[in-house]
C-alpha atoms as a PDB file:
ATOM      1  CA  PRO A   1     -20.516  13.710  -0.323  1.00  0.00           C
ATOM      2  CA  GLY A   2     -18.992  16.958  -2.794  1.00  0.00           C
ATOM      3  CA  VAL A   3     -15.807  18.289  -3.058  1.00  0.00           C
ATOM      4  CA  ASP A   4     -15.317  20.332  -0.226  1.00  0.00           C
ATOM      5  CA  ALA A   5     -16.350  17.714   2.340  1.00  0.00           C
ATOM      6  CA  ILE A   6     -13.767  15.079   1.108  1.00  0.00           C
ATOM      7  CA  ALA A   7     -10.841  18.363   1.244  1.00  0.00           C
ATOM      8  CA  ALA A   8     -12.169  18.838   4.319  1.00  0.00           C
ATOM      9  CA  ASN A   9     -11.027  15.381   6.150  1.00  0.00           C
ATOM     10  CA  ARG A  10      -7.247  16.456   5.677  1.00  0.00           C
ATOM     11  CA  PHE A  11      -8.305  18.325   8.568  1.00  0.00           C
ATOM     12  CA  LYS A  12      -9.415  16.033  10.409  1.00  0.00           C
ATOM     13  CA  THR A  13      -7.695  13.020  12.510  1.00  0.00           C
ATOM     14  CA  ASN A  14      -7.064  10.154  10.419  1.00  0.00           C
ATOM     15  CA  LYS A  15     -10.052   8.072  10.953  1.00  0.00           C
ATOM     16  CA  LEU A  16      -8.305   3.695  10.275  1.00  0.00           C
ATOM     17  CA  ALA A  17     -11.307   1.752  11.423  1.00  0.00           C
ATOM     18  CA  THR A  18     -12.847   3.751   7.929  1.00  0.00           C
ATOM     19  CA  TRP A  19     -11.910   5.390   5.191  1.00  0.00           C
ATOM     20  CA  VAL A  20     -10.183   3.201   3.107  1.00  0.00           C
ATOM     21  CA  PRO A  21      -6.055   2.891   1.356  1.00  0.00           C
ATOM     22  CA  VAL A  22      -4.817   2.253  -1.289  1.00  0.00           C
ATOM     23  CA  ILE A  23      -4.139  -1.712  -0.340  1.00  0.00           C
ATOM     24  CA  TRP A  24      -5.126  -3.340   2.932  1.00  0.00           C
ATOM     25  CA  GLY A  25      -2.464  -5.297   2.668  1.00  0.00           C
ATOM     26  CA  PRO A  26      -3.203  -9.692   2.498  1.00  0.00           C
ATOM     27  CA  VAL A  27      -6.969  -9.827   1.399  1.00  0.00           C
ATOM     28  CA  TYR A  28      -8.836 -12.464   2.089  1.00  0.00           C
ATOM     29  CA  THR A  29     -11.321 -12.975   0.523  1.00  0.00           C
ATOM     30  CA  PRO A  30     -13.172 -15.781  -2.316  1.00  0.00           C
ATOM     31  CA  ALA A  31     -11.002 -15.746  -5.183  1.00  0.00           C
ATOM     32  CA  PHE A  32      -9.307 -18.256  -8.571  1.00  0.00           C
ATOM     33  CA  ALA A  33      -5.450 -17.530  -9.134  1.00  0.00           C
ATOM     34  CA  ILE A  34      -2.601 -19.190 -11.202  1.00  0.00           C
ATOM     35  CA  PHE A  35       0.814 -18.146 -10.559  1.00  0.00           C
ATOM     36  CA  GLY A  36       3.908 -19.765 -12.249  1.00  0.00           C
ATOM     37  CA  GLU A  37       7.602 -19.263 -14.124  1.00  0.00           C
ATOM     38  CA  ALA A  38       8.846 -19.440 -17.483  1.00  0.00           C
ATOM     39  CA  GLY A  39      12.227 -19.367 -17.125  1.00  0.00           C
ATOM     40  CA  ASP A  40      13.722 -15.882 -16.153  1.00  0.00           C
ATOM     41  CA  PHE A  41      10.559 -14.249 -15.854  1.00  0.00           C
ATOM     42  CA  ASN A  42       7.501 -15.455 -13.578  1.00  0.00           C
ATOM     43  CA  TYR A  43       4.102 -14.618 -13.133  1.00  0.00           C
ATOM     44  CA  ALA A  44       0.581 -14.162 -11.037  1.00  0.00           C
ATOM     45  CA  PHE A  45      -2.872 -13.366 -11.627  1.00  0.00           C
ATOM     46  CA  GLU A  46      -5.912 -13.059  -9.925  1.00  0.00           C
ATOM     47  CA  MET A  47     -10.002 -12.789  -9.963  1.00  0.00           C
ATOM     48  CA  LYS A  48     -11.124 -11.477  -6.173  1.00  0.00           C
ATOM     49  CA  SER A  49     -15.009 -11.077  -5.340  1.00  0.00           C
ATOM     50  CA  ARG A  50     -13.594  -7.825  -2.970  1.00  0.00           C
ATOM     51  CA  SER A  51     -10.990  -5.114  -3.947  1.00  0.00           C
ATOM     52  CA  ILE A  52      -7.162  -4.324  -2.277  1.00  0.00           C
ATOM     53  CA  SER A  53      -8.299  -1.855  -0.139  1.00  0.00           C
ATOM     54  CA  SER A  54     -11.013  -3.868   0.743  1.00  0.00           C
ATOM     55  CA  ARG A  55     -11.587  -4.149   5.085  1.00  0.00           C
ATOM     56  CA  PRO A  56     -12.091  -7.652   6.627  1.00  0.00           C
ATOM     57  CA  SER A  57     -16.060  -7.148   7.243  1.00  0.00           C
ATOM     58  CA  VAL A  58     -17.095  -7.552   3.007  1.00  0.00           C
ATOM     59  CA  TRP A  59     -14.668 -10.355   2.959  1.00  0.00           C
ATOM     60  CA  ASP A  60     -16.673 -13.398   3.221  1.00  0.00           C
ATOM     61  CA  ASP A  61     -18.321 -12.254  -0.639  1.00  0.00           C
ATOM     62  CA  TRP A  62     -19.266 -15.135  -2.418  1.00  0.00           C
ATOM     63  CA  ASP A  63     -21.459 -13.187  -5.148  1.00  0.00           C
ATOM     64  CA  PHE A  64     -18.464 -12.170  -8.455  1.00  0.00           C
ATOM     65  CA  ALA A  65     -21.067  -9.680  -9.372  1.00  0.00           C
ATOM     66  CA  GLU A  66     -18.271  -6.550  -8.728  1.00  0.00           C
ATOM     67  CA  PRO A  67     -14.679  -8.396  -8.738  1.00  0.00           C
ATOM     68  CA  THR A  68     -11.281  -7.600  -9.232  1.00  0.00           C
ATOM     69  CA  TRP A  69      -8.564  -8.405 -11.241  1.00  0.00           C
ATOM     70  CA  THR A  70      -5.136  -8.239 -10.298  1.00  0.00           C
ATOM     71  CA  GLY A  71      -2.213  -9.807 -11.669  1.00  0.00           C
ATOM     72  CA  ARG A  72       1.546  -8.818 -11.215  1.00  0.00           C
ATOM     73  CA  ILE A  73       5.241 -10.570 -13.703  1.00  0.00           C
ATOM     74  CA  GLY A  74       8.075 -10.301 -12.265  1.00  0.00           C
ATOM     75  CA  TYR A  75      12.103 -11.183 -14.537  1.00  0.00           C
ATOM     76  CA  HIS A  76      14.523 -12.411 -11.854  1.00  0.00           C
ATOM     77  CA  PRO A  77      16.683 -13.126 -14.644  1.00  0.00           C
ATOM     78  CA  ASN A  78      19.881 -14.060 -11.231  1.00  0.00           C
ATOM     79  CA  ALA A  79      19.926 -14.659  -7.435  1.00  0.00           C
ATOM     80  CA  ALA A  80      20.100 -10.677  -6.261  1.00  0.00           C
ATOM     81  CA  TRP A  81      17.969  -8.614  -8.568  1.00  0.00           C
ATOM     82  CA  GLU A  82      13.750  -8.553  -9.431  1.00  0.00           C
ATOM     83  CA  VAL A  83      12.032  -6.396 -10.835  1.00  0.00           C
ATOM     84  CA  GLY A  84       7.873  -6.195 -11.541  1.00  0.00           C
ATOM     85  CA  ALA A  85       5.297  -4.762 -12.463  1.00  0.00           C
ATOM     86  CA  SER A  86       1.422  -5.004 -11.658  1.00  0.00           C
ATOM     87  CA  LEU A  87      -1.830  -3.623 -12.440  1.00  0.00           C
ATOM     88  CA  SER A  88      -5.355  -4.055 -10.520  1.00  0.00           C
ATOM     89  CA  HIS A  89      -8.876  -3.014 -11.544  1.00  0.00           C
ATOM     90  CA  GLY A  90     -12.052  -3.032 -10.149  1.00  0.00           C
ATOM     91  CA  SER A  91     -14.835  -1.971  -7.765  1.00  0.00           C
ATOM     92  CA  TYR A  92     -13.419  -0.298  -4.050  1.00  0.00           C
ATOM     93  CA  LEU A  93     -16.654   0.651  -3.037  1.00  0.00           C
ATOM     94  CA  ASN A  94     -19.118  -0.790   0.480  1.00  0.00           C
ATOM     95  CA  PRO A  95     -21.867  -2.790  -0.468  1.00  0.00           C
ATOM     96  CA  VAL A  96     -23.877  -0.771   1.516  1.00  0.00           C
ATOM     97  CA  ALA A  97     -23.756   1.471  -1.798  1.00  0.00           C
ATOM     98  CA  GLY A  98     -26.136  -0.490  -3.345  1.00  0.00           C
ATOM     99  CA  ASN A  99     -26.100   0.280  -7.286  1.00  0.00           C
ATOM    100  CA  LEU A 100     -23.812   2.292  -6.986  1.00  0.00           C
ATOM    101  CA  THR A 101     -20.996  -0.136  -5.920  1.00  0.00           C
ATOM    102  CA  GLY A 102     -20.745  -1.501  -9.659  1.00  0.00           C
ATOM    103  CA  ASP A 103     -20.301   2.395 -11.707  1.00  0.00           C
ATOM    104  CA  PHE A 104     -16.660   3.718  -9.310  1.00  0.00           C
ATOM    105  CA  ASP A 105     -13.871   1.489  -9.948  1.00  0.00           C
ATOM    106  CA  GLN A 106     -10.385   2.049  -7.771  1.00  0.00           C
ATOM    107  CA  SER A 107      -7.258   1.384 -10.423  1.00  0.00           C
ATOM    108  CA  THR A 108      -3.615   1.329  -9.391  1.00  0.00           C
ATOM    109  CA  ALA A 109      -0.418  -0.145 -10.579  1.00  0.00           C
ATOM    110  CA  GLY A 110       3.173  -0.980  -9.598  1.00  0.00           C
ATOM    111  CA  LEU A 111       6.470  -1.397  -9.720  1.00  0.00           C
ATOM    112  CA  ASP A 112       8.526  -2.694  -7.751  1.00  0.00           C
ATOM    113  CA  PHE A 113      12.614  -3.962  -7.092  1.00  0.00           C
ATOM    114  CA  SER A 114      14.424  -6.431  -4.844  1.00  0.00           C
ATOM    115  CA  TYR A 115      18.656  -6.423  -4.735  1.00  0.00           C
ATOM    116  CA  ALA A 116      20.314  -9.167  -2.710  1.00  0.00           C
ATOM    117  CA  HIS A 117      23.963  -9.207  -2.537  1.00  0.00           C
ATOM    118  CA  HIS A 118      26.185 -10.077   0.128  1.00  0.00           C
ATOM    119  CA  HIS A 119      25.090  -8.937   3.559  1.00  0.00           C
ATOM    120  CA  TRP A 120      23.012  -6.026   2.281  1.00  0.00           C
ATOM    121  CA  GLN A 121      18.839  -6.320   0.519  1.00  0.00           C
ATOM    122  CA  ILE A 122      18.148  -3.171  -0.458  1.00  0.00           C
ATOM    123  CA  GLN A 123      14.232  -2.794  -2.279  1.00  0.00           C
ATOM    124  CA  ALA A 124      12.173  -0.203  -4.106  1.00  0.00           C
ATOM    125  CA  GLU A 125       8.718   0.325  -4.910  1.00  0.00           C
ATOM    126  CA  VAL A 126       6.570   2.934  -6.731  1.00  0.00           C
ATOM    127  CA  ILE A 127       2.705   2.901  -6.611  1.00  0.00           C
ATOM    128  CA  TYR A 128       0.246   5.391  -7.781  1.00  0.00           C
ATOM    129  CA  SER A 129      -3.925   4.108  -7.388  1.00  0.00           C
ATOM    130  CA  LEU A 130      -6.648   6.050  -8.508  1.00  0.00           C
ATOM    131  CA  PHE A 131     -10.588   6.579  -7.565  1.00  0.00           C
ATOM    132  CA  GLU A 132     -13.357   7.396  -9.400  1.00  0.00           C
ATOM    133  CA  LEU A 133     -15.973   9.050  -6.770  1.00  0.00           C
ATOM    134  CA  PRO A 134     -19.767   9.145  -6.057  1.00  0.00           C
ATOM    135  CA  ASN A 135     -20.089  12.752  -7.404  1.00  0.00           C
ATOM    136  CA  ILE A 136     -17.703  14.631  -7.685  1.00  0.00           C
ATOM    137  CA  GLN A 137     -15.640  15.358 -11.707  1.00  0.00           C
ATOM    138  CA  ASP A 138     -11.874  14.459 -10.289  1.00  0.00           C
ATOM    139  CA  ASP A 139     -10.474  11.454 -10.165  1.00  0.00           C
ATOM    140  CA  ALA A 140      -8.920  10.797  -6.666  1.00  0.00           C
ATOM    141  CA  GLN A 141      -5.228   9.531  -6.993  1.00  0.00           C
ATOM    142  CA  ILE A 142      -2.323   8.536  -4.260  1.00  0.00           C
ATOM    143  CA  TRP A 143       1.003   8.587  -5.753  1.00  0.00           C
ATOM    144  CA  SER A 144       3.471   6.674  -3.019  1.00  0.00           C
ATOM    145  CA  TYR A 145       6.460   5.048  -3.225  1.00  0.00           C
ATOM    146  CA  TYR A 146       9.275   4.050  -1.091  1.00  0.00           C
ATOM    147  CA  ILE A 147      13.124   2.592  -0.162  1.00  0.00           C
ATOM    148  CA  GLU A 148      14.440   0.738   2.165  1.00  0.00           C
ATOM    149  CA  SER A 149      18.317  -1.009   2.421  1.00  0.00           C
ATOM    150  CA  ARG A 150      18.847  -3.195   5.687  1.00  0.00           C
ATOM    151  CA  TYR A 151      22.724  -4.400   6.204  1.00  0.00           C
ATOM    152  CA  LYS A 152      23.964  -7.478   8.064  1.00  0.00           C
ATOM    153  CA  LEU A 153      26.312  -6.374  10.731  1.00  0.00           C
ATOM    154  CA  ASN A 154      27.353  -9.994  11.425  1.00  0.00           C
ATOM    155  CA  PRO A 155      25.747 -13.071  10.806  1.00  0.00           C
ATOM    156  CA  GLN A 156      23.019 -12.711  14.658  1.00  0.00           C
ATOM    157  CA  THR A 157      22.735  -8.654  13.987  1.00  0.00           C
ATOM    158  CA  PHE A 158      21.301  -6.261  11.184  1.00  0.00           C
ATOM    159  CA  ALA A 159      20.488  -2.322  10.820  1.00  0.00           C
ATOM    160  CA  ALA A 160      17.503  -1.456   8.391  1.00  0.00           C
ATOM    161  CA  LEU A 161      15.576   2.262   7.339  1.00  0.00           C
ATOM    162  CA  ARG A 162      13.051   3.146   5.134  1.00  0.00           C
ATOM    163  CA  TRP A 163      12.122   5.895   4.105  1.00  0.00           C
ATOM    164  CA  ASN A 164       8.591   6.064   1.538  1.00  0.00           C
ATOM    165  CA  GLN A 165       6.763   9.956   0.883  1.00  0.00           C
ATOM    166  CA  GLN A 166       2.847   9.625  -0.249  1.00  0.00           C
ATOM    167  CA  PHE A 167       1.231  12.729  -2.593  1.00  0.00           C
ATOM    168  CA  TYR A 168      -2.072  14.152  -3.429  1.00  0.00           C
ATOM    169  CA  ASN A 169      -3.538  15.248  -6.644  1.00  0.00           C
ATOM    170  CA  GLU A 170      -6.188  18.398  -6.804  1.00  0.00           C
ATOM    171  CA  LEU A 171      -9.984  18.437  -7.701  1.00  0.00           C
ATOM    172  CA  GLY A 172     -11.490  20.627  -9.569  1.00  0.00           C
ATOM    173  CA  VAL A 173     -14.074  23.174  -7.151  1.00  0.00           C
ATOM    174  CA  PRO A 174     -17.113  23.696  -8.308  1.00  0.00           C
ATOM    175  CA  GLY A 175     -17.012  27.714 -10.157  1.00  0.00           C
ATOM    176  CA  GLY A 176     -12.157  27.285 -10.855  1.00  0.00           C
ATOM    177  CA  GLY A 177      -9.832  26.260  -8.954  1.00  0.00           C
ATOM    178  CA  SER A 178      -8.929  23.087  -6.821  1.00  0.00           C
ATOM    179  CA  THR A 179      -7.953  22.200  -3.446  1.00  0.00           C
ATOM    180  CA  ALA A 180      -5.979  19.193  -2.137  1.00  0.00           C
ATOM    181  CA  TRP A 181      -7.958  16.443   0.041  1.00  0.00           C
ATOM    182  CA  ASP A 182      -5.274  14.733   1.627  1.00  0.00           C
ATOM    183  CA  ASN A 183      -1.449  15.931   2.716  1.00  0.00           C
ATOM    184  CA  ASP A 184       0.884  15.368   1.342  1.00  0.00           C
ATOM    185  CA  LEU A 185       3.924  12.942   4.101  1.00  0.00           C
ATOM    186  CA  PHE A 186       6.939  11.199   4.195  1.00  0.00           C
ATOM    187  CA  ARG A 187       8.228   9.112   6.672  1.00  0.00           C
ATOM    188  CA  LEU A 188      11.265   7.368   7.983  1.00  0.00           C
ATOM    189  CA  GLU A 189      11.823   4.487   9.833  1.00  0.00           C
ATOM    190  CA  ALA A 190      15.109   2.825  11.051  1.00  0.00           C
ATOM    191  CA  ALA A 191      15.465  -1.152  13.248  1.00  0.00           C
ATOM    192  CA  PHE A 192      18.378  -2.601  14.537  1.00  0.00           C
ATOM    193  CA  GLY A 193      17.902  -6.485  15.398  1.00  0.00           C
ATOM    194  CA  TYR A 194      20.007  -9.180  17.099  1.00  0.00           C
ATOM    195  CA  ARG A 195      19.130 -13.154  17.049  1.00  0.00           C
ATOM    196  CA  LEU A 196      19.140 -14.486  20.226  1.00  0.00           C
ATOM    197  CA  ASN A 197      19.391 -18.168  18.259  1.00  0.00           C
ATOM    198  CA  PRO A 198      17.599 -20.007  14.721  1.00  0.00           C
ATOM    199  CA  ASN A 199      13.916 -18.789  16.962  1.00  0.00           C
ATOM    200  CA  VAL A 200      14.356 -15.815  19.063  1.00  0.00           C
ATOM    201  CA  GLN A 201      14.833 -12.832  17.051  1.00  0.00           C
ATOM    202  CA  VAL A 202      14.867  -9.075  18.680  1.00  0.00           C
ATOM    203  CA  LYS A 203      13.802  -5.659  17.200  1.00  0.00           C
ATOM    204  CA  LEU A 204      14.100  -2.635  18.112  1.00  0.00           C
ATOM    205  CA  GLN A 205      11.154  -0.749  16.103  1.00  0.00           C
ATOM    206  CA  TYR A 206      11.531   3.419  15.149  1.00  0.00           C
ATOM    207  CA  SER A 207       9.055   5.590  12.878  1.00  0.00           C
ATOM    208  CA  TRP A 208       8.998   9.267  12.689  1.00  0.00           C
ATOM    209  CA  THR A 209       5.482  10.635  10.180  1.00  0.00           C
ATOM    210  CA  HIS A 210       5.357  13.881   8.794  1.00  0.00           C
ATOM    211  CA  GLN A 211       2.679  15.685   6.979  1.00  0.00           C
ATOM    212  CA  ASP A 212       1.739  19.073   5.098  1.00  0.00           C
ATOM    213  CA  ALA A 213       0.072  20.306   7.433  1.00  0.00           C
ATOM    214  CA  ASP A 214       0.034  21.686  11.131  1.00  0.00           C
ATOM    215  CA  PHE A 215      -1.886  19.116  12.452  1.00  0.00           C
ATOM    216  CA  GLN A 216       0.240  15.213  12.523  1.00  0.00           C
ATOM    217  CA  ASN A 217      -1.879  12.250  13.211  1.00  0.00           C
ATOM    218  CA  GLY A 218       0.718   9.507  14.931  1.00  0.00           C
ATOM    219  CA  GLU A 219       4.242  11.637  14.190  1.00  0.00           C
ATOM    220  CA  VAL A 220       6.330   8.814  16.503  1.00  0.00           C
ATOM    221  CA  VAL A 221       3.778   5.707  14.952  1.00  0.00           C
ATOM    222  CA  GLY A 222       5.880   3.214  17.035  1.00  0.00           C
ATOM    223  CA  ALA A 223       8.983   2.666  18.586  1.00  0.00           C
ATOM    224  CA  GLY A 224       9.723  -0.261  21.244  1.00  0.00           C
ATOM    225  CA  VAL A 225      10.725  -3.984  21.984  1.00  0.00           C
ATOM    226  CA  HIS A 226      10.045  -7.226  19.121  1.00  0.00           C
ATOM    227  CA  VAL A 227      10.624 -10.196  20.032  1.00  0.00           C
ATOM    228  CA  ALA A 228       9.610 -13.106  17.200  1.00  0.00           C
ATOM    229  CA  SER A 229      10.372 -16.637  16.852  1.00  0.00           C
ATOM    230  CA  GLY A 230      10.622 -19.582  14.145  1.00  0.00           C
END
């Protein structure tokens, strides 16, 4: 599709089953990996047959014709602090794209930070991702970050708070001008947890998302009681 078709998606309800995320999460696809430690540094590098944004329907791919390369280097000077930097690059198109699959890549870079001391745990991450688009001159770019903290009120009880924002660039329109291709958004999440015993924890969590648009996609993401064991 052209720029107008891509930009029109920002007025639609999110199609979570088909639209491409920046990062799916754990991607269980064939891979080769190496990881370890060297003094205060740790490292991890991998080559996977599919991208970090790929969906489970394409994970069973042993071809490695268009692999994704990903790596992270972390610095962990003591028990409280750790910082890290990561990079990933590879083809993201679904294999049904045929010969086009290897022509359009996703490039992603991230910085992460964590701190833990006494009752406090703090984590933050900044992620930038670029998608090369077929039939469109400009690349789709996404900036996102989050910062979250968790505080132990006592050995059994904790409270947590997370703030997240995501920003999108504009794509040039043929004939002049530009248009946004998705809506900037923010998300606020809060949680309260209580550990009943070493194996059972109860958590109440609430999440509120708001995008820069006249309509919202799942503004209240979830609120309820979550029971975990183990």
